[in-house]
Structures are given as structure tokens and as C-alpha cells.
Amino acid sequence: MISFAVISNAVFAQSVEGKLKEQGIELAKPTPSLANYVKAVRTGNLIFLSGHVSNRADGTGIKGKVGKDLTVEQGYEAAKLSAIGLLSSLKAEIGDLNKVKRVVKVLGMVNSTPDFTDHPKVVNGCSDLLVTVFGDKGKHARSAVGVAALPSDYAVEVEMIVEVE
């Protein structure tokens, strides 16, 4: 006898939340925007998320220049924190991360010294988390660039475009 399991959206929802919990990640309510912009804009089935910096849930952040003040590994962690902030804002916008059909595009900006060239290794902190959480739906087009400075001397800022149901 052959049996088939039917997986509902509710089960998928638990798996997404479960994957976050397995990583020790709890999504916090997003903080209000500090200027005249919003954290997310929906147009059709696309969500455009504003840049999110490397903030921890307690409000502290990873700051400094990668290549001078911070190692690649610390930059990687900063990019992961940016991704957590993006996921928090995304969940607040759409209510349920199961509605994600695809992470389309990520732009990672690394506050780095002029001679630093490992920006992709830093932004992998964001990309790796997205693939861990969403699987193939988390694979995305990406740009990773170095910048002379970021607001308040944060180490990383990441913005994202997501397709939803």
C-alpha cells in the first residue's frame, strides 16, 4: 500500500518558524522608521524592504569598518543581523512568512576600508540565513558592495525585494 502525506500551509508555517527557532532566532516587532520613509512597500506581489542595519534585538548594533575595526566573521554576523531585521519587517508587512514565493534580490552594503575586497563573504551572512529559512525560495540575485560609511557607523546595511503570494 502506498500512502501520501498532504502538507498544508499550516505545516509549512511551522517549518519556517521552526527553522528560525532552530537557529536561535526570534523575530522582534520592527522599530519605527527614523525618517520620512517606511520599512516596506508592496506593489502587486513584490515587497520592497528598505535597508536594515546590523541591529540586535536589544537595540545595540555591530558598528565599525570591516577590514579595520571588524573581521570578515564579525561582518558576516552583522549581515545576518540585518537579515533578521529584514525578516521581522517582512513578517510585519505580510503577516506570515509562508506567503514568500521567492527572495528575488538582495543588496548588501558593507562599511569597509578602501582596500577591503571580501564584501561577498560578509554579505553571505544574510544570504546563508535566507537559504536556511526558505530553502530554494531563499536563493536570490545579489549585489555586495563596499561603501565609505553607513548611518551611525553601522557595519552592514541590507535591502531586499521579495515576491509573495
N, C-alpha and C. Protein backbone atom coordinates (compact mmCIF):
# COMPACT_ATOMS: atom_id res chain seq x y z
N MET A 1 0.86 -1.18 0.00
CA MET A 1 0.00 0.00 0.00
C MET A 1 0.89 1.23 0.00
N ILE A 2 0.54 2.19 -0.82
CA ILE A 2 1.28 3.45 -0.90
C ILE A 2 0.44 4.53 -0.25
N SER A 3 1.06 5.31 0.62
CA SER A 3 0.32 6.42 1.22
C SER A 3 1.05 7.72 0.90
N PHE A 4 0.29 8.77 0.81
CA PHE A 4 0.83 10.08 0.50
C PHE A 4 0.47 11.03 1.63
N ALA A 5 1.43 11.85 1.98
CA ALA A 5 1.17 12.86 3.01
C ALA A 5 0.82 14.18 2.32
N VAL A 6 -0.19 14.82 2.83
CA VAL A 6 -0.56 16.14 2.33
C VAL A 6 -0.01 17.17 3.31
N ILE A 7 0.77 18.08 2.76
CA ILE A 7 1.36 19.12 3.61
C ILE A 7 0.59 20.40 3.41
N SER A 8 0.00 20.88 4.48
CA SER A 8 -0.78 22.11 4.39
C SER A 8 0.12 23.31 4.63
N ASN A 9 -0.43 24.49 4.34
CA ASN A 9 0.31 25.73 4.61
C ASN A 9 0.62 25.87 6.09
N ALA A 10 -0.25 25.37 6.94
CA ALA A 10 0.00 25.47 8.39
C ALA A 10 1.25 24.70 8.78
N VAL A 11 1.45 23.52 8.17
CA VAL A 11 2.64 22.74 8.47
C VAL A 11 3.88 23.48 7.96
N PHE A 12 3.78 24.06 6.75
CA PHE A 12 4.90 24.82 6.20
C PHE A 12 5.22 26.01 7.12
N ALA A 13 4.17 26.65 7.64
CA ALA A 13 4.37 27.79 8.54
C ALA A 13 5.18 27.36 9.76
N GLN A 14 4.83 26.20 10.28
CA GLN A 14 5.57 25.71 11.44
C GLN A 14 7.02 25.43 11.07
N SER A 15 7.24 24.95 9.86
CA SER A 15 8.62 24.64 9.49
C SER A 15 9.45 25.90 9.33
N VAL A 16 8.86 26.97 8.79
CA VAL A 16 9.60 28.24 8.67
C VAL A 16 9.91 28.78 10.06
N GLU A 17 8.90 28.83 10.90
CA GLU A 17 9.13 29.29 12.27
C GLU A 17 10.09 28.36 12.99
N GLY A 18 9.95 27.06 12.73
CA GLY A 18 10.85 26.07 13.33
C GLY A 18 12.29 26.28 12.91
N LYS A 19 12.49 26.58 11.63
CA LYS A 19 13.85 26.83 11.15
C LYS A 19 14.46 28.05 11.82
N LEU A 20 13.66 29.08 12.02
CA LEU A 20 14.15 30.26 12.74
C LEU A 20 14.51 29.88 14.18
N LYS A 21 13.63 29.14 14.83
CA LYS A 21 13.88 28.73 16.22
C LYS A 21 15.11 27.83 16.32
N GLU A 22 15.28 26.94 15.33
CA GLU A 22 16.47 26.08 15.31
C GLU A 22 17.75 26.90 15.27
N GLN A 23 17.68 28.05 14.65
CA GLN A 23 18.83 28.95 14.54
C GLN A 23 18.95 29.86 15.77
N GLY A 24 18.02 29.70 16.71
CA GLY A 24 18.03 30.55 17.89
C GLY A 24 17.57 31.97 17.60
N ILE A 25 16.73 32.13 16.58
CA ILE A 25 16.30 33.45 16.13
C ILE A 25 14.85 33.68 16.49
N GLU A 26 14.62 34.80 17.13
CA GLU A 26 13.26 35.24 17.44
C GLU A 26 13.07 36.59 16.77
N LEU A 27 12.03 36.70 15.96
CA LEU A 27 11.77 37.95 15.26
C LEU A 27 11.07 38.93 16.19
N ALA A 28 11.61 40.12 16.27
CA ALA A 28 11.05 41.16 17.12
C ALA A 28 10.14 42.07 16.29
N LYS A 29 9.29 42.80 16.95
CA LYS A 29 8.47 43.80 16.27
C LYS A 29 9.41 44.88 15.74
N PRO A 30 9.28 45.24 14.47
CA PRO A 30 10.18 46.25 13.91
C PRO A 30 10.03 47.60 14.61
N THR A 31 11.13 48.30 14.72
CA THR A 31 11.10 49.64 15.29
C THR A 31 10.56 50.60 14.24
N PRO A 32 10.02 51.73 14.66
CA PRO A 32 9.52 52.70 13.67
C PRO A 32 10.68 53.28 12.85
N SER A 33 10.36 53.70 11.64
CA SER A 33 11.36 54.35 10.80
C SER A 33 11.81 55.65 11.45
N LEU A 34 13.08 56.00 11.27
CA LEU A 34 13.64 57.18 11.91
C LEU A 34 13.53 58.43 11.04
N ALA A 35 13.05 58.29 9.83
CA ALA A 35 12.94 59.44 8.93
C ALA A 35 11.66 59.29 8.09
N ASN A 36 11.58 60.04 7.02
CA ASN A 36 10.37 60.07 6.19
C ASN A 36 10.40 58.95 5.15
N TYR A 37 10.31 57.71 5.61
CA TYR A 37 10.24 56.53 4.76
C TYR A 37 9.56 55.42 5.54
N VAL A 38 9.21 54.35 4.85
CA VAL A 38 8.61 53.18 5.50
C VAL A 38 9.55 51.99 5.32
N LYS A 39 9.40 51.01 6.17
CA LYS A 39 10.29 49.85 6.11
C LYS A 39 9.96 48.90 4.97
N ALA A 40 8.72 48.91 4.50
CA ALA A 40 8.32 48.01 3.43
C ALA A 40 7.24 48.66 2.57
N VAL A 41 7.32 48.42 1.27
CA VAL A 41 6.31 48.87 0.32
C VAL A 41 5.92 47.68 -0.53
N ARG A 42 4.62 47.49 -0.64
CA ARG A 42 4.11 46.41 -1.50
C ARG A 42 3.56 47.01 -2.78
N THR A 43 3.94 46.44 -3.89
CA THR A 43 3.34 46.77 -5.18
C THR A 43 3.10 45.45 -5.90
N GLY A 44 1.83 45.14 -6.12
CA GLY A 44 1.49 43.85 -6.70
C GLY A 44 1.94 42.74 -5.77
N ASN A 45 2.71 41.80 -6.29
CA ASN A 45 3.19 40.68 -5.48
C ASN A 45 4.62 40.87 -5.00
N LEU A 46 5.14 42.08 -5.13
CA LEU A 46 6.51 42.35 -4.68
C LEU A 46 6.51 43.22 -3.43
N ILE A 47 7.40 42.86 -2.52
CA ILE A 47 7.63 43.66 -1.31
C ILE A 47 9.05 44.20 -1.42
N PHE A 48 9.18 45.52 -1.38
CA PHE A 48 10.49 46.19 -1.38
C PHE A 48 10.78 46.59 0.06
N LEU A 49 11.85 46.05 0.62
CA LEU A 49 12.22 46.34 2.00
C LEU A 49 13.37 47.33 2.03
N SER A 50 13.20 48.38 2.82
CA SER A 50 14.24 49.39 2.99
C SER A 50 15.48 48.77 3.61
N GLY A 51 16.59 49.47 3.51
CA GLY A 51 17.82 48.99 4.12
C GLY A 51 17.67 48.81 5.62
N HIS A 52 18.16 47.68 6.11
CA HIS A 52 18.16 47.37 7.54
C HIS A 52 19.62 47.21 7.97
N VAL A 53 19.96 47.88 9.05
CA VAL A 53 21.34 47.83 9.56
C VAL A 53 21.51 46.68 10.54
N SER A 54 22.72 46.49 10.98
CA SER A 54 23.11 45.35 11.82
C SER A 54 22.77 45.60 13.29
N ASN A 55 21.47 45.62 13.59
CA ASN A 55 20.98 45.82 14.95
C ASN A 55 20.59 44.51 15.60
N ARG A 56 20.90 44.38 16.88
CA ARG A 56 20.44 43.25 17.68
C ARG A 56 19.06 43.57 18.24
N ALA A 57 18.39 42.55 18.76
CA ALA A 57 17.05 42.73 19.33
C ALA A 57 17.04 43.73 20.48
N ASP A 58 18.16 43.84 21.22
CA ASP A 58 18.22 44.76 22.35
C ASP A 58 18.52 46.21 21.94
N GLY A 59 18.63 46.45 20.63
CA GLY A 59 18.86 47.80 20.14
C GLY A 59 20.33 48.14 19.91
N THR A 60 21.22 47.32 20.42
CA THR A 60 22.64 47.56 20.15
C THR A 60 22.96 47.02 18.76
N GLY A 61 24.03 47.49 18.19
CA GLY A 61 24.36 47.05 16.85
C GLY A 61 25.84 46.79 16.68
N ILE A 62 26.16 46.16 15.55
CA ILE A 62 27.57 45.95 15.20
C ILE A 62 27.98 47.15 14.35
N LYS A 63 28.94 47.88 14.86
CA LYS A 63 29.38 49.11 14.21
C LYS A 63 30.88 49.05 13.93
N GLY A 64 31.30 49.85 12.97
CA GLY A 64 32.70 49.96 12.62
C GLY A 64 32.96 49.52 11.19
N LYS A 65 34.20 49.70 10.77
CA LYS A 65 34.61 49.36 9.41
C LYS A 65 35.18 47.94 9.36
N VAL A 66 34.64 47.15 8.42
CA VAL A 66 35.18 45.82 8.18
C VAL A 66 36.53 46.02 7.47
N GLY A 67 37.54 45.32 7.95
CA GLY A 67 38.88 45.49 7.42
C GLY A 67 39.75 46.37 8.29
N LYS A 68 39.13 47.05 9.25
CA LYS A 68 39.87 47.89 10.19
C LYS A 68 39.44 47.54 11.62
N ASP A 69 38.17 47.79 11.93
CA ASP A 69 37.63 47.56 13.28
C ASP A 69 37.07 46.15 13.44
N LEU A 70 36.64 45.55 12.33
CA LEU A 70 35.93 44.27 12.37
C LEU A 70 36.54 43.28 11.39
N THR A 71 36.46 42.01 11.73
CA THR A 71 36.91 40.93 10.85
C THR A 71 35.80 40.57 9.86
N VAL A 72 36.12 39.75 8.89
CA VAL A 72 35.12 39.24 7.96
C VAL A 72 34.04 38.49 8.73
N GLU A 73 34.43 37.71 9.73
CA GLU A 73 33.47 36.92 10.52
C GLU A 73 32.52 37.84 11.28
N GLN A 74 33.03 38.93 11.83
CA GLN A 74 32.16 39.89 12.52
C GLN A 74 31.23 40.59 11.52
N GLY A 75 31.74 40.86 10.33
CA GLY A 75 30.90 41.43 9.28
C GLY A 75 29.81 40.46 8.86
N TYR A 76 30.15 39.18 8.75
CA TYR A 76 29.18 38.14 8.43
C TYR A 76 28.04 38.15 9.45
N GLU A 77 28.40 38.23 10.72
CA GLU A 77 27.39 38.28 11.79
C GLU A 77 26.52 39.53 11.66
N ALA A 78 27.14 40.65 11.30
CA ALA A 78 26.39 41.90 11.10
C ALA A 78 25.39 41.74 9.97
N ALA A 79 25.78 41.09 8.87
CA ALA A 79 24.87 40.87 7.75
C ALA A 79 23.73 39.94 8.16
N LYS A 80 24.02 38.97 8.98
CA LYS A 80 22.98 38.06 9.50
C LYS A 80 21.97 38.85 10.34
N LEU A 81 22.46 39.76 11.17
CA LEU A 81 21.57 40.61 11.96
C LEU A 81 20.69 41.47 11.07
N SER A 82 21.27 41.99 9.99
CA SER A 82 20.48 42.78 9.04
C SER A 82 19.36 41.92 8.45
N ALA A 83 19.67 40.67 8.12
CA ALA A 83 18.67 39.76 7.57
C ALA A 83 17.55 39.49 8.56
N ILE A 84 17.90 39.35 9.82
CA ILE A 84 16.87 39.13 10.86
C ILE A 84 15.94 40.34 10.93
N GLY A 85 16.51 41.53 10.85
CA GLY A 85 15.68 42.74 10.83
C GLY A 85 14.78 42.77 9.60
N LEU A 86 15.31 42.38 8.45
CA LEU A 86 14.50 42.33 7.23
C LEU A 86 13.35 41.34 7.39
N LEU A 87 13.63 40.17 7.94
CA LEU A 87 12.58 39.17 8.14
C LEU A 87 11.52 39.67 9.12
N SER A 88 11.93 40.40 10.14
CA SER A 88 10.97 40.98 11.09
C SER A 88 10.04 41.96 10.38
N SER A 89 10.62 42.83 9.56
CA SER A 89 9.80 43.81 8.83
C SER A 89 8.92 43.12 7.79
N LEU A 90 9.44 42.09 7.15
CA LEU A 90 8.66 41.35 6.17
C LEU A 90 7.47 40.67 6.83
N LYS A 91 7.71 40.04 7.96
CA LYS A 91 6.61 39.38 8.67
C LYS A 91 5.56 40.39 9.11
N ALA A 92 6.01 41.56 9.58
CA ALA A 92 5.06 42.60 9.98
C ALA A 92 4.23 43.08 8.79
N GLU A 93 4.82 43.10 7.61
CA GLU A 93 4.12 43.57 6.41
C GLU A 93 3.14 42.54 5.87
N ILE A 94 3.53 41.26 5.82
CA ILE A 94 2.68 40.25 5.18
C ILE A 94 2.00 39.31 6.15
N GLY A 95 2.40 39.35 7.43
CA GLY A 95 1.73 38.56 8.46
C GLY A 95 2.20 37.13 8.60
N ASP A 96 2.66 36.53 7.53
CA ASP A 96 3.01 35.12 7.55
C ASP A 96 4.13 34.89 6.54
N LEU A 97 5.27 34.44 7.01
CA LEU A 97 6.41 34.23 6.13
C LEU A 97 6.19 33.11 5.12
N ASN A 98 5.14 32.31 5.32
CA ASN A 98 4.81 31.27 4.34
C ASN A 98 4.32 31.85 3.03
N LYS A 99 3.95 33.10 3.02
CA LYS A 99 3.49 33.76 1.80
C LYS A 99 4.65 34.08 0.87
N VAL A 100 5.86 33.89 1.32
CA VAL A 100 7.03 34.17 0.48
C VAL A 100 7.11 33.13 -0.62
N LYS A 101 7.07 33.60 -1.87
CA LYS A 101 7.26 32.72 -3.02
C LYS A 101 8.73 32.67 -3.41
N ARG A 102 9.43 33.80 -3.23
CA ARG A 102 10.83 33.86 -3.63
C ARG A 102 11.48 35.12 -3.08
N VAL A 103 12.68 34.98 -2.55
CA VAL A 103 13.51 36.15 -2.29
C VAL A 103 14.14 36.46 -3.65
N VAL A 104 13.86 37.64 -4.17
CA VAL A 104 14.24 37.99 -5.53
C VAL A 104 15.63 38.63 -5.58
N LYS A 105 15.88 39.63 -4.73
CA LYS A 105 17.10 40.42 -4.84
C LYS A 105 17.53 40.91 -3.47
N VAL A 106 18.84 40.86 -3.24
CA VAL A 106 19.45 41.39 -2.02
C VAL A 106 20.56 42.35 -2.43
N LEU A 107 20.60 43.49 -1.78
CA LEU A 107 21.71 44.43 -1.94
C LEU A 107 22.34 44.60 -0.57
N GLY A 108 23.60 44.17 -0.45
CA GLY A 108 24.33 44.30 0.81
C GLY A 108 25.41 45.36 0.69
N MET A 109 25.39 46.29 1.61
CA MET A 109 26.36 47.39 1.65
C MET A 109 27.23 47.21 2.89
N VAL A 110 28.53 47.16 2.69
CA VAL A 110 29.47 46.89 3.77
C VAL A 110 30.30 48.15 4.02
N ASN A 111 30.26 48.64 5.24
CA ASN A 111 31.08 49.76 5.68
C ASN A 111 32.50 49.21 5.81
N SER A 112 33.36 49.55 4.85
CA SER A 112 34.67 48.91 4.81
C SER A 112 35.78 49.90 4.42
N THR A 113 36.98 49.45 4.66
CA THR A 113 38.15 50.23 4.26
C THR A 113 38.29 50.17 2.74
N PRO A 114 38.99 51.16 2.15
CA PRO A 114 39.12 51.18 0.69
C PRO A 114 39.82 49.94 0.11
N ASP A 115 40.69 49.31 0.88
CA ASP A 115 41.42 48.15 0.37
C ASP A 115 40.73 46.81 0.67
N PHE A 116 39.60 46.83 1.34
CA PHE A 116 38.87 45.60 1.66
C PHE A 116 38.17 45.08 0.41
N THR A 117 38.29 43.78 0.13
CA THR A 117 37.70 43.23 -1.10
C THR A 117 36.83 41.99 -0.87
N ASP A 118 36.57 41.63 0.36
CA ASP A 118 35.78 40.42 0.66
C ASP A 118 34.32 40.73 0.98
N HIS A 119 33.75 41.72 0.33
CA HIS A 119 32.35 42.08 0.58
C HIS A 119 31.40 40.91 0.41
N PRO A 120 31.58 40.07 -0.64
CA PRO A 120 30.67 38.92 -0.78
C PRO A 120 30.70 37.98 0.43
N LYS A 121 31.86 37.77 1.03
CA LYS A 121 31.96 36.90 2.20
C LYS A 121 31.17 37.48 3.38
N VAL A 122 31.15 38.79 3.49
CA VAL A 122 30.39 39.45 4.56
C VAL A 122 28.90 39.29 4.31
N VAL A 123 28.44 39.61 3.11
CA VAL A 123 27.01 39.58 2.79
C VAL A 123 26.47 38.16 2.79
N ASN A 124 27.35 37.16 2.71
CA ASN A 124 26.91 35.78 2.86
C ASN A 124 26.18 35.55 4.18
N GLY A 125 26.45 36.36 5.20
CA GLY A 125 25.74 36.24 6.47
C GLY A 125 24.25 36.40 6.29
N CYS A 126 23.85 37.28 5.39
CA CYS A 126 22.44 37.46 5.05
C CYS A 126 21.95 36.33 4.16
N SER A 127 22.68 36.09 3.08
CA SER A 127 22.25 35.09 2.09
C SER A 127 22.13 33.70 2.70
N ASP A 128 23.09 33.31 3.51
CA ASP A 128 23.05 31.99 4.13
C ASP A 128 21.82 31.81 5.00
N LEU A 129 21.47 32.85 5.76
CA LEU A 129 20.28 32.76 6.61
C LEU A 129 19.02 32.63 5.77
N LEU A 130 18.92 33.41 4.69
CA LEU A 130 17.73 33.34 3.85
C LEU A 130 17.55 31.96 3.23
N VAL A 131 18.63 31.34 2.80
CA VAL A 131 18.54 29.99 2.22
C VAL A 131 18.23 28.97 3.31
N THR A 132 18.77 29.15 4.50
CA THR A 132 18.46 28.25 5.61
C THR A 132 16.97 28.30 5.94
N VAL A 133 16.40 29.48 5.94
CA VAL A 133 15.00 29.66 6.33
C VAL A 133 14.04 29.26 5.21
N PHE A 134 14.34 29.66 3.97
CA PHE A 134 13.39 29.47 2.87
C PHE A 134 13.78 28.37 1.88
N GLY A 135 14.95 27.76 2.05
CA GLY A 135 15.39 26.75 1.09
C GLY A 135 15.63 27.39 -0.27
N ASP A 136 15.23 26.69 -1.33
CA ASP A 136 15.44 27.21 -2.67
C ASP A 136 14.73 28.54 -2.91
N LYS A 137 13.63 28.78 -2.21
CA LYS A 137 12.92 30.06 -2.35
C LYS A 137 13.76 31.22 -1.82
N GLY A 138 14.74 30.91 -1.01
CA GLY A 138 15.61 31.94 -0.45
C GLY A 138 16.80 32.29 -1.32
N LYS A 139 17.03 31.51 -2.39
CA LYS A 139 18.15 31.81 -3.30
C LYS A 139 17.77 33.02 -4.14
N HIS A 140 18.69 33.96 -4.27
CA HIS A 140 18.35 35.27 -4.82
C HIS A 140 19.49 35.84 -5.66
N ALA A 141 19.14 36.82 -6.48
CA ALA A 141 20.15 37.64 -7.13
C ALA A 141 20.71 38.57 -6.06
N ARG A 142 21.99 38.98 -6.21
CA ARG A 142 22.59 39.76 -5.12
C ARG A 142 23.70 40.66 -5.63
N SER A 143 23.82 41.79 -4.95
CA SER A 143 24.97 42.67 -5.10
C SER A 143 25.56 42.88 -3.72
N ALA A 144 26.88 42.86 -3.64
CA ALA A 144 27.59 43.11 -2.38
C ALA A 144 28.64 44.18 -2.67
N VAL A 145 28.49 45.32 -2.04
CA VAL A 145 29.37 46.44 -2.34
C VAL A 145 29.97 47.01 -1.06
N GLY A 146 31.12 47.65 -1.21
CA GLY A 146 31.73 48.38 -0.11
C GLY A 146 31.38 49.85 -0.22
N VAL A 147 31.17 50.46 0.94
CA VAL A 147 30.86 51.88 0.99
C VAL A 147 31.78 52.57 1.99
N ALA A 148 31.95 53.86 1.81
CA ALA A 148 32.84 54.64 2.68
C ALA A 148 32.28 54.79 4.09
N ALA A 149 30.95 54.83 4.21
CA ALA A 149 30.33 54.99 5.52
C ALA A 149 28.86 54.56 5.43
N LEU A 150 28.31 54.18 6.57
CA LEU A 150 26.89 53.89 6.71
C LEU A 150 26.35 54.70 7.88
N PRO A 151 25.03 54.92 7.94
CA PRO A 151 24.47 55.70 9.04
C PRO A 151 24.91 55.18 10.41
N SER A 152 25.27 56.10 11.27
CA SER A 152 25.68 55.80 12.66
C SER A 152 26.83 54.80 12.74
N ASP A 153 27.60 54.68 11.68
CA ASP A 153 28.78 53.82 11.61
C ASP A 153 28.45 52.33 11.71
N TYR A 154 27.22 51.94 11.31
CA TYR A 154 26.89 50.52 11.29
C TYR A 154 27.79 49.80 10.30
N ALA A 155 28.04 48.53 10.56
CA ALA A 155 28.95 47.73 9.73
C ALA A 155 28.31 47.30 8.41
N VAL A 156 27.02 47.01 8.44
CA VAL A 156 26.34 46.48 7.26
C VAL A 156 24.93 47.04 7.19
N GLU A 157 24.48 47.25 5.95
CA GLU A 157 23.08 47.57 5.68
C GLU A 157 22.65 46.73 4.49
N VAL A 158 21.46 46.12 4.59
CA VAL A 158 20.97 45.25 3.53
C VAL A 158 19.54 45.63 3.20
N GLU A 159 19.24 45.67 1.89
CA GLU A 159 17.86 45.82 1.45
C GLU A 159 17.47 44.61 0.63
N MET A 160 16.17 44.39 0.46
CA MET A 160 15.72 43.14 -0.15
C MET A 160 14.41 43.35 -0.89
N ILE A 161 14.23 42.57 -1.96
CA ILE A 161 12.97 42.51 -2.70
C ILE A 161 12.49 41.06 -2.63
N VAL A 162 11.20 40.90 -2.29
CA VAL A 162 10.62 39.57 -2.09
C VAL A 162 9.32 39.46 -2.87
N GLU A 163 9.12 38.32 -3.54
CA GLU A 163 7.84 38.02 -4.18
C GLU A 163 6.99 37.22 -3.20
N VAL A 164 5.72 37.62 -3.09
CA VAL A 164 4.81 36.94 -2.17
C VAL A 164 3.55 36.49 -2.92
N GLU A 165 2.82 35.59 -2.28
CA GLU A 165 1.55 35.09 -2.85
C GLU A 165 0.51 36.18 -2.84
